[in-house]
Amino acid sequence: MERIGKYVIHTAVVTSGYARILLCHDPDLQVPVAVKLFDPKPGDDGPLSPAQQLTRFLTEVRTLASFDHPYIVGVKTLEHLADGRPYFVMPYMAAHLPYEIGKDFAAPEDAAAASERDRPRRMSGQRAMLVMKQLSSAVLALHKRNLVHRALKPSNVLLSTTQNGTVKLCDLSLIKLAEKNLPLPDFWMGDAAYTAPEQRENATAVNATADVYSMGVLAYRLLVGALPDLSAGPAVLGGGFPSQLVELIAACTDPEPSRRPPHAGEVLGGLDRVPPPSRPAQVKPVVQVVSKPRAAAASAAQPVAAES
């Protein structure tokens, strides 16, 4: 039985450039956990040196551990293997956003050919609003410390359960710190569909508005079930959505950072101003009382005499 420290490994869930996430079992607490292991590839000639990768890994776990927030994934412990590689342990999360909305595909025919589980789909308006409010609260916690996530996308939004799960923001591997810039390649890193245009040009110079842009794209994706066409400017929601929501998403996805909401707190406030979905008025049943004519009622009440 393979282990990492005391944790029994069930399966590898995700492998990134210099880390692996393992689904494990805690034998002491008898609960499932997720373990992120620093695991750089031998001979990797990528843009970051092993020392720079290690700096990013340790910064991620220490930043996550500094938060006690209901919508940011927690850290149980940081430990090291015998060979010196660090790993940290997080609570197990049952799903992430693609579980509810499917995956993104470059071509419509690819989406049509995908399995039912992976096929892109939208959320209900009520569910999408709840998810975006929880995510905005998590990102606001970062922005209050002058941190920029720089990698907001569906796969980095975990869910506590498979049915209406609570948001848990994760993956701070590209976090921008307030006091210094960690080693980062000259080119942008992240998912192009959710990345602000200025971040693609210079990821080290962005501020909170880059996250706001990603949040706007993500909100559109949840509500519509497809990525917005941003080639001609901000995202435009179709008819049927409240004007406050249409204006908010357009502002968030404006290609000019100065015209966007300045931080996630403004996005959260904008979402709070969106009216809830209207419900049809309840119609009380109408009870109709039909009374019989008095004469007919009287004759009906008297016995009929037998003919002699």
Protein backbone atom coordinates (compact mmCIF):
# COMPACT_ATOMS: atom_id res chain seq x y z
CA MET A 1 0.00 0.00 0.00
CA GLU A 2 1.66 3.18 -1.22
CA ARG A 3 1.86 6.06 1.23
CA ILE A 4 3.04 9.64 1.40
CA GLY A 5 3.98 10.16 5.01
CA LYS A 6 1.19 8.51 6.97
CA TYR A 7 -1.39 9.13 4.26
CA VAL A 8 -2.54 6.18 2.14
CA ILE A 9 -2.55 7.11 -1.57
CA HIS A 10 -5.66 6.17 -3.52
CA THR A 11 -5.05 7.93 -6.82
CA ALA A 12 -3.33 10.89 -8.48
CA VAL A 13 -5.94 13.50 -9.37
CA VAL A 14 -3.98 16.31 -11.01
CA THR A 15 -0.42 16.71 -12.27
CA SER A 16 0.85 20.22 -12.93
CA GLY A 17 4.23 21.52 -14.01
CA TYR A 18 5.97 20.90 -10.70
CA ALA A 19 3.36 19.37 -8.39
CA ARG A 20 0.98 16.45 -8.07
CA ILE A 21 -2.31 16.33 -6.20
CA LEU A 22 -3.08 12.96 -4.66
CA LEU A 23 -6.36 11.69 -3.23
CA CYS A 24 -5.40 10.02 0.05
CA HIS A 25 -6.82 8.57 3.26
CA ASP A 26 -5.88 9.83 6.71
CA PRO A 27 -5.53 6.63 8.81
CA ASP A 28 -5.72 8.50 12.11
CA LEU A 29 -8.79 10.64 11.47
CA GLN A 30 -10.32 8.10 9.06
CA VAL A 31 -11.22 10.78 6.49
CA PRO A 32 -10.25 11.40 2.88
CA VAL A 33 -7.76 14.22 2.23
CA ALA A 34 -6.03 15.83 -0.73
CA VAL A 35 -2.24 16.01 -0.71
CA LYS A 36 -0.25 18.38 -2.94
CA LEU A 37 3.31 17.17 -3.43
CA PHE A 38 6.21 19.21 -4.80
CA ASP A 39 7.30 16.96 -7.65
CA PRO A 40 9.37 18.75 -10.34
CA LYS A 41 10.13 16.74 -13.44
CA PRO A 42 13.79 15.69 -13.81
CA GLY A 43 15.52 17.59 -16.58
CA ASP A 44 12.66 20.08 -16.88
CA ASP A 45 13.85 22.95 -19.06
CA GLY A 46 10.82 25.11 -18.33
CA PRO A 47 10.90 28.83 -17.62
CA LEU A 48 11.31 28.38 -13.85
CA SER A 49 14.29 26.76 -12.16
CA PRO A 50 13.68 24.07 -9.48
CA ALA A 51 14.54 26.65 -6.80
CA GLN A 52 12.00 29.11 -8.23
CA GLN A 53 9.38 26.37 -8.44
CA LEU A 54 9.99 25.51 -4.79
CA THR A 55 9.59 29.17 -3.84
CA ARG A 56 6.23 29.29 -5.57
CA PHE A 57 5.10 26.02 -3.96
CA LEU A 58 5.94 27.17 -0.44
CA THR A 59 4.42 30.60 -1.04
CA GLU A 60 1.17 28.96 -2.14
CA VAL A 61 0.79 26.77 0.94
CA ARG A 62 1.79 29.53 3.38
CA THR A 63 -0.62 31.97 1.78
CA LEU A 64 -3.47 29.44 1.86
CA ALA A 65 -2.69 28.62 5.49
CA SER A 66 -2.85 32.31 6.44
CA PHE A 67 -6.57 32.44 5.59
CA ASP A 68 -9.48 31.23 7.68
CA HIS A 69 -12.23 31.86 5.18
CA PRO A 70 -15.38 29.83 4.47
CA TYR A 71 -14.81 29.96 0.70
CA ILE A 72 -11.03 29.36 0.52
CA VAL A 73 -9.69 25.83 0.82
CA GLY A 74 -7.87 25.20 4.08
CA VAL A 75 -4.51 23.63 4.87
CA LYS A 76 -4.16 20.94 7.54
CA THR A 77 -0.37 20.61 7.64
CA LEU A 78 2.90 21.07 5.74
CA GLU A 79 5.35 18.18 5.88
CA HIS A 80 8.42 16.85 4.05
CA LEU A 81 9.39 13.50 2.58
CA ALA A 82 12.70 11.84 3.46
CA ASP A 83 14.19 13.28 0.25
CA GLY A 84 13.26 16.80 1.35
CA ARG A 85 10.32 17.39 -0.99
CA PRO A 86 7.51 19.27 0.76
CA TYR A 87 3.84 18.38 0.61
CA PHE A 88 0.76 19.88 2.20
CA VAL A 89 -2.54 18.35 3.18
CA MET A 90 -5.96 19.84 2.45
CA PRO A 91 -9.52 18.74 3.23
CA TYR A 92 -11.04 16.54 0.55
CA MET A 93 -13.47 18.33 -1.77
CA ALA A 94 -16.00 16.21 -3.65
CA ALA A 95 -16.06 18.16 -6.92
CA HIS A 96 -15.17 21.33 -8.77
CA LEU A 97 -17.14 23.63 -11.06
CA PRO A 98 -16.69 21.54 -14.24
CA TYR A 99 -18.66 18.81 -12.44
CA GLU A 100 -21.70 21.13 -12.63
CA ILE A 101 -21.06 23.03 -15.86
CA GLY A 102 -18.99 20.63 -17.98
CA LYS A 103 -15.77 21.48 -19.76
CA ASP A 104 -14.84 24.18 -22.28
CA PHE A 105 -14.05 23.19 -25.86
CA ALA A 106 -12.36 25.13 -28.64
CA ALA A 107 -14.77 23.94 -31.34
CA PRO A 108 -18.57 23.34 -31.20
CA GLU A 109 -18.18 19.94 -32.81
CA ASP A 110 -15.85 18.89 -29.99
CA ALA A 111 -18.43 19.94 -27.42
CA ALA A 112 -21.16 18.05 -29.28
CA ALA A 113 -19.02 14.90 -29.36
CA ALA A 114 -18.18 15.09 -25.65
CA SER A 115 -19.72 12.82 -23.06
CA GLU A 116 -22.81 14.03 -21.25
CA ARG A 117 -20.71 14.68 -18.15
CA ASP A 118 -18.18 16.87 -20.02
CA ARG A 119 -20.61 18.67 -22.34
CA PRO A 120 -20.86 22.41 -21.58
CA ARG A 121 -24.03 23.47 -19.79
CA ARG A 122 -25.32 26.36 -17.75
CA MET A 123 -26.36 26.67 -14.13
CA SER A 124 -29.72 27.87 -12.94
CA GLY A 125 -29.71 31.60 -12.37
CA GLN A 126 -30.17 31.18 -8.62
CA ARG A 127 -27.29 28.68 -8.32
CA ALA A 128 -24.97 30.78 -10.52
CA MET A 129 -25.62 33.87 -8.39
CA LEU A 130 -24.86 31.97 -5.19
CA VAL A 131 -21.61 30.53 -6.61
CA MET A 132 -20.48 33.94 -7.86
CA LYS A 133 -21.23 35.60 -4.52
CA GLN A 134 -19.22 32.99 -2.65
CA LEU A 135 -16.35 33.23 -5.14
CA SER A 136 -16.42 37.04 -4.97
CA SER A 137 -16.18 36.85 -1.18
CA ALA A 138 -13.13 34.57 -1.45
CA VAL A 139 -11.39 36.76 -4.02
CA LEU A 140 -12.20 39.86 -1.97
CA ALA A 141 -10.27 38.32 0.94
CA LEU A 142 -7.23 38.16 -1.37
CA HIS A 143 -7.72 41.68 -2.71
CA LYS A 144 -7.95 43.12 0.82
CA ARG A 145 -4.34 41.99 1.25
CA ASN A 146 -3.33 43.34 -2.18
CA LEU A 147 -2.98 39.79 -3.53
CA VAL A 148 -3.95 38.87 -7.09
CA HIS A 149 -4.94 35.27 -7.83
CA ARG A 150 -4.20 35.40 -11.60
CA ALA A 151 -5.67 31.94 -12.30
CA LEU A 152 -9.43 32.16 -11.71
CA LYS A 153 -11.14 29.50 -13.81
CA PRO A 154 -13.68 26.69 -13.23
CA SER A 155 -11.16 23.99 -12.32
CA ASN A 156 -9.75 26.18 -9.53
CA VAL A 157 -13.15 26.53 -7.87
CA LEU A 158 -13.71 23.44 -5.74
CA LEU A 159 -17.08 22.36 -4.33
CA SER A 160 -17.59 20.80 -0.91
CA THR A 161 -20.23 18.35 -2.16
CA THR A 162 -21.55 17.13 -5.51
CA GLN A 163 -25.00 18.59 -4.85
CA ASN A 164 -25.12 22.37 -4.35
CA GLY A 165 -21.66 22.36 -2.82
CA THR A 166 -20.05 25.36 -1.14
CA VAL A 167 -17.31 27.14 -3.11
CA LYS A 168 -13.71 26.59 -2.04
CA LEU A 169 -11.19 28.66 -4.00
CA CYS A 170 -7.87 26.86 -4.51
CA ASP A 171 -4.57 26.90 -6.42
CA LEU A 172 -2.58 29.97 -5.45
CA SER A 173 0.43 28.83 -7.47
CA LEU A 174 0.30 31.99 -9.59
CA ILE A 175 -0.50 34.36 -6.70
CA LYS A 176 0.92 37.86 -6.96
CA LEU A 177 2.09 39.14 -3.60
CA ALA A 178 1.77 42.70 -2.39
CA GLU A 179 5.35 43.13 -1.26
CA LYS A 180 7.24 41.43 -4.07
CA ASN A 181 6.88 39.61 -7.36
CA LEU A 182 7.70 35.93 -7.22
CA PRO A 183 9.67 34.43 -10.12
CA LEU A 184 7.43 34.30 -13.19
CA PRO A 185 8.14 33.83 -16.88
CA ASP A 186 8.04 36.84 -19.15
CA PHE A 187 4.95 35.45 -20.87
CA TRP A 188 1.55 35.05 -19.26
CA MET A 189 0.49 31.80 -17.64
CA GLY A 190 -3.05 30.56 -17.20
CA ASP A 191 -6.17 29.67 -19.15
CA ALA A 192 -6.45 32.05 -22.11
CA ALA A 193 -10.24 32.03 -22.09
CA TYR A 194 -10.40 33.48 -18.56
CA THR A 195 -7.24 35.61 -18.55
CA ALA A 196 -7.37 39.40 -18.79
CA PRO A 197 -5.74 40.82 -21.93
CA GLU A 198 -3.19 42.85 -19.94
CA GLN A 199 -2.12 39.71 -18.06
CA ARG A 200 -1.31 38.02 -21.36
CA GLU A 201 1.03 40.90 -22.11
CA ASN A 202 2.69 41.32 -18.71
CA ALA A 203 1.58 39.12 -15.83
CA THR A 204 3.81 40.85 -13.28
CA ALA A 205 2.19 44.26 -13.74
CA VAL A 206 -1.47 43.32 -13.17
CA ASN A 207 -3.64 44.33 -10.23
CA ALA A 208 -6.99 43.21 -8.83
CA THR A 209 -8.83 44.21 -12.00
CA ALA A 210 -7.26 41.22 -13.77
CA ASP A 211 -9.11 38.94 -11.36
CA VAL A 212 -12.28 40.97 -11.90
CA TYR A 213 -12.03 40.28 -15.63
CA SER A 214 -11.75 36.54 -14.98
CA MET A 215 -14.74 36.69 -12.64
CA GLY A 216 -16.82 38.37 -15.34
CA VAL A 217 -15.96 35.68 -17.88
CA LEU A 218 -16.71 32.99 -15.33
CA ALA A 219 -20.08 34.53 -14.43
CA TYR A 220 -21.06 34.61 -18.11
CA ARG A 221 -19.99 30.98 -18.48
CA LEU A 222 -22.14 29.89 -15.52
CA LEU A 223 -25.22 31.77 -16.71
CA VAL A 224 -25.07 30.99 -20.43
CA GLY A 225 -23.28 27.66 -20.63
CA ALA A 226 -20.69 28.91 -23.12
CA LEU A 227 -17.75 31.27 -23.18
CA PRO A 228 -18.44 34.87 -24.28
CA ASP A 229 -17.25 36.33 -27.55
CA LEU A 230 -14.83 39.02 -26.41
CA SER A 231 -13.35 39.81 -29.81
CA ALA A 232 -15.39 43.00 -30.15
CA GLY A 233 -15.36 44.20 -26.55
CA PRO A 234 -17.07 43.33 -23.25
CA ALA A 235 -19.30 40.29 -22.82
CA VAL A 236 -22.96 40.93 -23.61
CA LEU A 237 -25.60 38.82 -21.91
CA GLY A 238 -28.65 38.09 -24.01
CA GLY A 239 -32.19 39.02 -23.13
CA GLY A 240 -33.95 37.75 -20.05
CA PHE A 241 -31.32 38.78 -17.51
CA PRO A 242 -31.74 41.73 -15.11
CA SER A 243 -30.16 44.93 -16.42
CA GLN A 244 -28.00 45.20 -13.28
CA LEU A 245 -26.43 41.82 -14.06
CA VAL A 246 -25.96 42.62 -17.75
CA GLU A 247 -24.18 45.88 -16.89
CA LEU A 248 -22.02 44.25 -14.20
CA ILE A 249 -20.69 41.49 -16.46
CA ALA A 250 -20.06 43.97 -19.26
CA ALA A 251 -18.10 46.19 -16.87
CA CYS A 252 -16.07 43.28 -15.49
CA THR A 253 -15.03 42.11 -18.96
CA ASP A 254 -14.16 45.53 -20.34
CA PRO A 255 -10.80 45.24 -22.13
CA GLU A 256 -9.68 48.47 -20.46
CA PRO A 257 -8.75 47.70 -16.82
CA SER A 258 -9.55 51.22 -15.59
CA ARG A 259 -13.19 50.82 -16.63
CA ARG A 260 -13.72 47.63 -14.63
CA PRO A 261 -14.80 47.43 -10.99
CA PRO A 262 -11.57 47.99 -9.03
CA HIS A 263 -11.75 44.84 -6.91
CA ALA A 264 -13.91 41.85 -5.99
CA GLY A 265 -15.73 43.84 -3.29
CA GLU A 266 -17.35 45.96 -6.00
CA VAL A 267 -18.33 42.81 -7.88
CA LEU A 268 -19.91 41.36 -4.75
CA GLY A 269 -21.80 44.59 -4.16
CA GLY A 270 -23.01 44.56 -7.75
CA LEU A 271 -24.26 40.99 -7.40
CA ASP A 272 -26.13 41.94 -4.22
CA ARG A 273 -27.95 44.64 -6.18
CA VAL A 274 -29.25 42.18 -8.77
CA PRO A 275 -32.93 41.46 -8.01
CA PRO A 276 -33.75 37.83 -7.23
CA PRO A 277 -35.59 35.80 -9.88
CA SER A 278 -39.25 36.70 -9.91
CA ARG A 279 -41.64 34.05 -8.67
CA PRO A 280 -45.17 33.63 -9.98
CA ALA A 281 -47.74 34.92 -7.55
CA GLN A 282 -49.53 32.23 -5.63
CA VAL A 283 -53.16 31.95 -6.68
CA LYS A 284 -55.55 30.95 -3.95
CA PRO A 285 -58.13 28.34 -4.95
CA VAL A 286 -61.60 29.72 -5.54
CA VAL A 287 -64.35 27.80 -3.81
CA GLN A 288 -67.71 28.21 -5.50
CA VAL A 289 -70.80 27.49 -3.38
CA VAL A 290 -73.87 26.47 -5.34
CA SER A 291 -77.17 26.62 -3.46
CA LYS A 292 -80.34 24.90 -4.60
CA PRO A 293 -83.62 26.87 -5.10
CA ARG A 294 -85.79 26.76 -2.00
CA ALA A 295 -88.81 25.12 -3.67
CA ALA A 296 -86.75 22.41 -5.23
CA ALA A 297 -84.97 21.85 -1.98
CA ALA A 298 -88.25 21.58 -0.06
CA SER A 299 -89.80 19.09 -2.45
CA ALA A 300 -86.64 17.08 -2.46
CA ALA A 301 -86.76 16.93 1.32
CA GLN A 302 -90.43 15.64 1.49
CA PRO A 303 -91.18 11.95 1.02
CA VAL A 304 -93.16 10.97 -2.04
CA ALA A 305 -96.59 9.36 -1.19
CA ALA A 306 -97.33 6.07 -2.77
CA GLU A 307 -100.19 6.03 -5.20
CA SER A 308 -103.27 4.36 -3.88
